Amino acid sequence: MMQERLELDAALREENGNVSVSQLREEGLVPGVLYGRERETVSIKADAKEVATILGGNAIIDLTLDDDTTQPVMVKEVQKDVITRDLLHIDLYQIDLDQKITIEVPVTVVGQPEGVKEGGLLNHILREIEIECLPTDIPKSIDVNVEELEIGDSVSVGEIDVTEEIEITVDETETVATVVLPDELDEEDEDEVEDEELEEPEVIGEVDDEEEELEDEEELEE
């Protein structure tokens, strides 16, 4: 099943106009930009409630500007307030329906593996996959049947069946899902936690604080 087609009305806005983005948000509008490979970037504004209806998935959106021109676009990026989750900004990208694009779509596992019936656990590893196709051929998800997997079995990208209109651009040896024993999955979780701890970033300003303390001590000694 292909992605649905949505609609959105928007208006152009002056980048250096008298109305600030905060004022737009107070009026229930979302500021944004519209850009594309063969068009100039313009600033836009749209009703926040209408914008909310087009979010999620990879839908094609028929965007109508205030000059009554309509063009197919897709959501490229959305910014939300980390606390209130209010919409702050939206980036829309104009597409050509006759040109292929590269995009990520969800991976859905279908069926209950035989190995799970025997006490194993399904480890769904690859949850999104990169594909290339025409915008009108983008699927809502890529389905992967895992019913025949026994304990220790796995299914790779190369075993995924897709229509001829879709090309998977991910390494075909990459694992999509595997059935493991419960203790093996626990060990993998522990390894992931250890890796995250090793990669923990340095706190910004921590070194500066230490340097300030050393400077204070030197001043006292003088």
Protein backbone atom coordinates (compact mmCIF):
# COMPACT_ATOMS: atom_id res chain seq x y z
CA MET A 1 0.00 0.00 0.00
CA MET A 2 1.48 3.32 -1.11
CA GLN A 3 1.60 6.55 0.84
CA GLU A 4 -1.49 8.74 0.81
CA ARG A 5 -1.61 12.17 -0.82
CA LEU A 6 -2.18 15.10 1.54
CA GLU A 7 -2.85 18.82 1.10
CA LEU A 8 -1.56 21.95 2.82
CA ASP A 9 -2.16 25.67 2.29
CA ALA A 10 0.67 28.08 3.08
CA ALA A 11 1.60 31.72 2.54
CA LEU A 12 4.88 33.38 1.72
CA ARG A 13 6.41 35.50 4.48
CA GLU A 14 9.03 38.22 4.51
CA GLU A 15 12.28 37.00 6.07
CA ASN A 16 12.98 40.42 7.58
CA GLY A 17 9.39 41.52 8.04
CA ASN A 18 7.83 43.19 11.06
CA VAL A 19 6.19 40.00 12.27
CA SER A 20 8.57 37.84 14.34
CA VAL A 21 8.45 34.05 14.35
CA SER A 22 7.36 34.11 18.00
CA GLN A 23 4.43 36.31 17.06
CA LEU A 24 3.51 33.93 14.25
CA ARG A 25 3.43 31.06 16.74
CA GLU A 26 1.23 33.08 19.09
CA GLU A 27 -1.18 33.49 16.18
CA GLY A 28 -1.31 29.71 15.67
CA LEU A 29 1.02 29.71 12.68
CA VAL A 30 4.17 27.70 12.02
CA PRO A 31 7.12 29.37 10.24
CA GLY A 32 9.04 27.32 7.73
CA VAL A 33 11.02 27.20 4.51
CA LEU A 34 10.35 25.68 1.10
CA TYR A 35 13.28 24.63 -1.03
CA GLY A 36 14.17 22.21 -3.81
CA ARG A 37 16.85 21.20 -6.24
CA GLU A 38 15.66 23.54 -8.97
CA ARG A 39 13.91 26.34 -7.09
CA GLU A 40 14.84 29.24 -4.86
CA THR A 41 14.38 28.89 -1.14
CA VAL A 42 11.45 30.86 0.23
CA SER A 43 10.10 31.46 3.73
CA ILE A 44 6.54 30.33 4.39
CA LYS A 45 3.96 30.19 7.17
CA ALA A 46 1.06 27.78 7.69
CA ASP A 47 -1.66 27.02 10.19
CA ALA A 48 -0.22 24.88 13.01
CA LYS A 49 -3.25 22.59 13.18
CA GLU A 50 -3.09 21.92 9.43
CA VAL A 51 0.65 21.26 9.61
CA ALA A 52 0.05 18.70 12.38
CA THR A 53 -2.19 16.69 10.03
CA ILE A 54 0.59 16.16 7.46
CA LEU A 55 3.27 14.94 9.86
CA GLY A 56 4.32 11.32 10.15
CA GLY A 57 5.29 8.96 7.38
CA ASN A 58 6.58 9.93 3.96
CA ALA A 59 3.42 11.34 2.42
CA ILE A 60 3.42 13.47 -0.71
CA ILE A 61 1.88 16.84 0.09
CA ASP A 62 0.21 19.08 -2.47
CA LEU A 63 1.31 22.49 -1.19
CA THR A 64 -0.73 25.49 -2.32
CA LEU A 65 0.87 28.90 -1.80
CA ASP A 66 -1.01 32.18 -1.62
CA ASP A 67 -0.34 32.78 -5.31
CA ASP A 68 -2.56 29.72 -5.99
CA THR A 69 0.32 27.64 -7.36
CA THR A 70 0.36 24.02 -6.20
CA GLN A 71 3.47 21.87 -6.04
CA PRO A 72 4.27 18.39 -4.66
CA VAL A 73 6.48 18.52 -1.57
CA MET A 74 7.63 16.30 1.28
CA VAL A 75 8.47 17.09 4.89
CA LYS A 76 12.24 17.24 5.26
CA GLU A 77 12.57 18.34 8.88
CA VAL A 78 10.35 19.35 11.80
CA GLN A 79 11.40 21.21 14.93
CA LYS A 80 9.37 20.89 18.12
CA ASP A 81 9.66 22.36 21.59
CA VAL A 82 11.39 19.73 23.76
CA ILE A 83 9.00 20.33 26.65
CA THR A 84 5.63 21.36 25.21
CA ARG A 85 6.11 19.49 21.87
CA ASP A 86 4.63 22.53 20.11
CA LEU A 87 5.61 22.94 16.46
CA LEU A 88 8.38 25.50 16.04
CA HIS A 89 9.50 25.19 12.41
CA ILE A 90 9.03 23.02 9.33
CA ASP A 91 11.20 22.42 6.26
CA LEU A 92 9.44 21.36 3.06
CA TYR A 93 11.27 20.01 0.01
CA GLN A 94 9.76 20.35 -3.47
CA ILE A 95 10.00 17.10 -5.42
CA ASP A 96 9.65 15.99 -9.03
CA LEU A 97 7.19 13.12 -9.30
CA ASP A 98 9.13 11.80 -12.31
CA GLN A 99 12.50 11.66 -10.54
CA LYS A 100 13.58 8.99 -8.08
CA ILE A 101 14.47 9.98 -4.54
CA THR A 102 16.36 8.24 -1.73
CA ILE A 103 14.39 7.91 1.48
CA GLU A 104 14.11 5.79 4.63
CA VAL A 105 10.98 3.75 5.35
CA PRO A 106 10.01 1.61 8.36
CA VAL A 107 10.68 -2.13 8.40
CA THR A 108 7.81 -4.26 9.73
CA VAL A 109 8.27 -7.90 10.76
CA VAL A 110 5.34 -10.14 9.90
CA GLY A 111 4.36 -13.41 11.61
CA GLN A 112 5.50 -15.30 14.69
CA PRO A 113 8.83 -17.14 14.25
CA GLU A 114 8.98 -20.88 14.92
CA GLY A 115 11.91 -20.19 17.24
CA VAL A 116 9.75 -17.96 19.43
CA LYS A 117 7.29 -20.83 19.89
CA GLU A 118 10.24 -22.87 21.17
CA GLY A 119 11.28 -20.29 23.76
CA GLY A 120 13.42 -17.94 21.72
CA LEU A 121 13.07 -14.18 21.36
CA LEU A 122 12.79 -12.17 18.17
CA ASN A 123 15.45 -9.45 17.96
CA HIS A 124 14.27 -6.86 15.44
CA ILE A 125 17.51 -5.08 14.54
CA LEU A 126 16.86 -3.04 11.39
CA ARG A 127 13.80 -0.87 11.95
CA GLU A 128 14.29 1.52 9.02
CA ILE A 129 15.74 0.89 5.60
CA GLU A 130 16.95 3.19 2.85
CA ILE A 131 15.36 2.77 -0.58
CA GLU A 132 15.33 4.54 -3.92
CA CYS A 133 12.17 4.95 -5.99
CA LEU A 134 9.76 7.44 -7.48
CA PRO A 135 7.86 9.49 -4.87
CA THR A 136 4.58 7.89 -5.93
CA ASP A 137 6.02 4.39 -5.30
CA ILE A 138 7.12 4.97 -1.70
CA PRO A 139 5.62 2.21 0.49
CA LYS A 140 4.38 2.90 4.00
CA SER A 141 6.70 0.14 5.20
CA ILE A 142 8.79 -2.80 4.00
CA ASP A 143 7.30 -6.07 5.30
CA VAL A 144 9.64 -8.92 6.24
CA ASN A 145 8.18 -12.38 6.95
CA VAL A 146 9.91 -14.05 9.92
CA GLU A 147 7.60 -17.04 10.46
CA GLU A 148 10.16 -19.66 9.39
CA LEU A 149 13.00 -18.44 11.60
CA GLU A 150 14.26 -21.01 14.11
CA ILE A 151 16.45 -20.21 17.12
CA GLY A 152 19.75 -18.99 15.73
CA ASP A 153 18.29 -18.09 12.33
CA SER A 154 18.25 -14.61 10.89
CA VAL A 155 16.96 -12.77 7.84
CA SER A 156 19.17 -10.32 5.95
CA VAL A 157 18.47 -7.35 3.68
CA GLY A 158 19.28 -9.48 0.64
CA GLU A 159 16.33 -11.76 1.42
CA ILE A 160 13.73 -8.98 1.38
CA ASP A 161 11.23 -9.11 -1.48
CA VAL A 162 10.24 -5.74 -2.93
CA THR A 163 8.55 -4.67 -6.13
CA GLU A 164 10.66 -3.87 -9.18
CA GLU A 165 9.92 -0.15 -8.72
CA ILE A 166 11.87 -0.13 -5.44
CA GLU A 167 15.63 -0.47 -5.03
CA ILE A 168 17.08 -1.15 -1.58
CA THR A 169 20.34 0.76 -1.16
CA VAL A 170 21.46 -0.89 2.10
CA ASP A 171 24.17 -3.57 2.20
CA GLU A 172 22.40 -6.86 1.49
CA THR A 173 24.36 -8.66 4.23
CA GLU A 174 22.94 -6.43 6.96
CA THR A 175 20.73 -8.33 9.43
CA VAL A 176 17.08 -7.34 9.66
CA ALA A 177 15.97 -9.68 12.43
CA THR A 178 17.17 -12.78 14.25
CA VAL A 179 15.79 -15.26 16.79
CA VAL A 180 17.99 -15.72 19.85
CA LEU A 181 17.88 -17.33 23.26
CA PRO A 182 16.78 -14.97 26.07
CA ASP A 183 20.23 -14.91 27.72
CA GLU A 184 21.88 -13.97 24.41
CA LEU A 185 19.59 -10.96 24.05
CA ASP A 186 20.41 -9.87 27.62
CA GLU A 187 24.14 -10.01 26.81
CA GLU A 188 23.60 -7.84 23.72
CA ASP A 189 21.72 -5.25 25.80
CA GLU A 190 24.57 -5.14 28.33
CA ASP A 191 27.12 -4.64 25.54
CA GLU A 192 25.07 -1.74 24.15
CA VAL A 193 24.93 -0.08 27.58
CA GLU A 194 28.72 -0.46 28.00
CA ASP A 195 29.31 1.05 24.55
CA GLU A 196 27.08 4.02 25.39
CA GLU A 197 28.99 4.60 28.64
CA LEU A 198 32.32 4.52 26.79
CA GLU A 199 31.03 7.01 24.24
CA GLU A 200 29.59 9.41 26.85
CA PRO A 201 30.52 12.94 25.73
CA GLU A 202 32.52 15.32 27.90
CA VAL A 203 30.39 17.85 29.75
CA ILE A 204 30.88 21.28 28.22
CA GLY A 205 32.33 23.70 30.72
CA GLU A 206 33.71 21.05 33.07
CA VAL A 207 37.35 21.77 32.19
CA ASP A 208 36.74 25.52 32.46
CA ASP A 209 35.41 25.11 36.01
CA GLU A 210 38.56 23.22 37.04
CA GLU A 211 40.76 25.89 35.51
CA GLU A 212 38.85 28.58 37.44
CA GLU A 213 39.38 26.68 40.71
CA LEU A 214 43.13 26.41 40.04
CA GLU A 215 43.33 30.14 39.27
CA ASP A 216 41.50 30.94 42.54
CA GLU A 217 43.95 28.77 44.53
CA GLU A 218 46.96 30.47 42.90
CA GLU A 219 45.56 33.91 43.77
CA LEU A 220 45.12 32.88 47.41
CA GLU A 221 48.70 31.57 47.60
CA GLU A 222 50.01 34.88 46.26
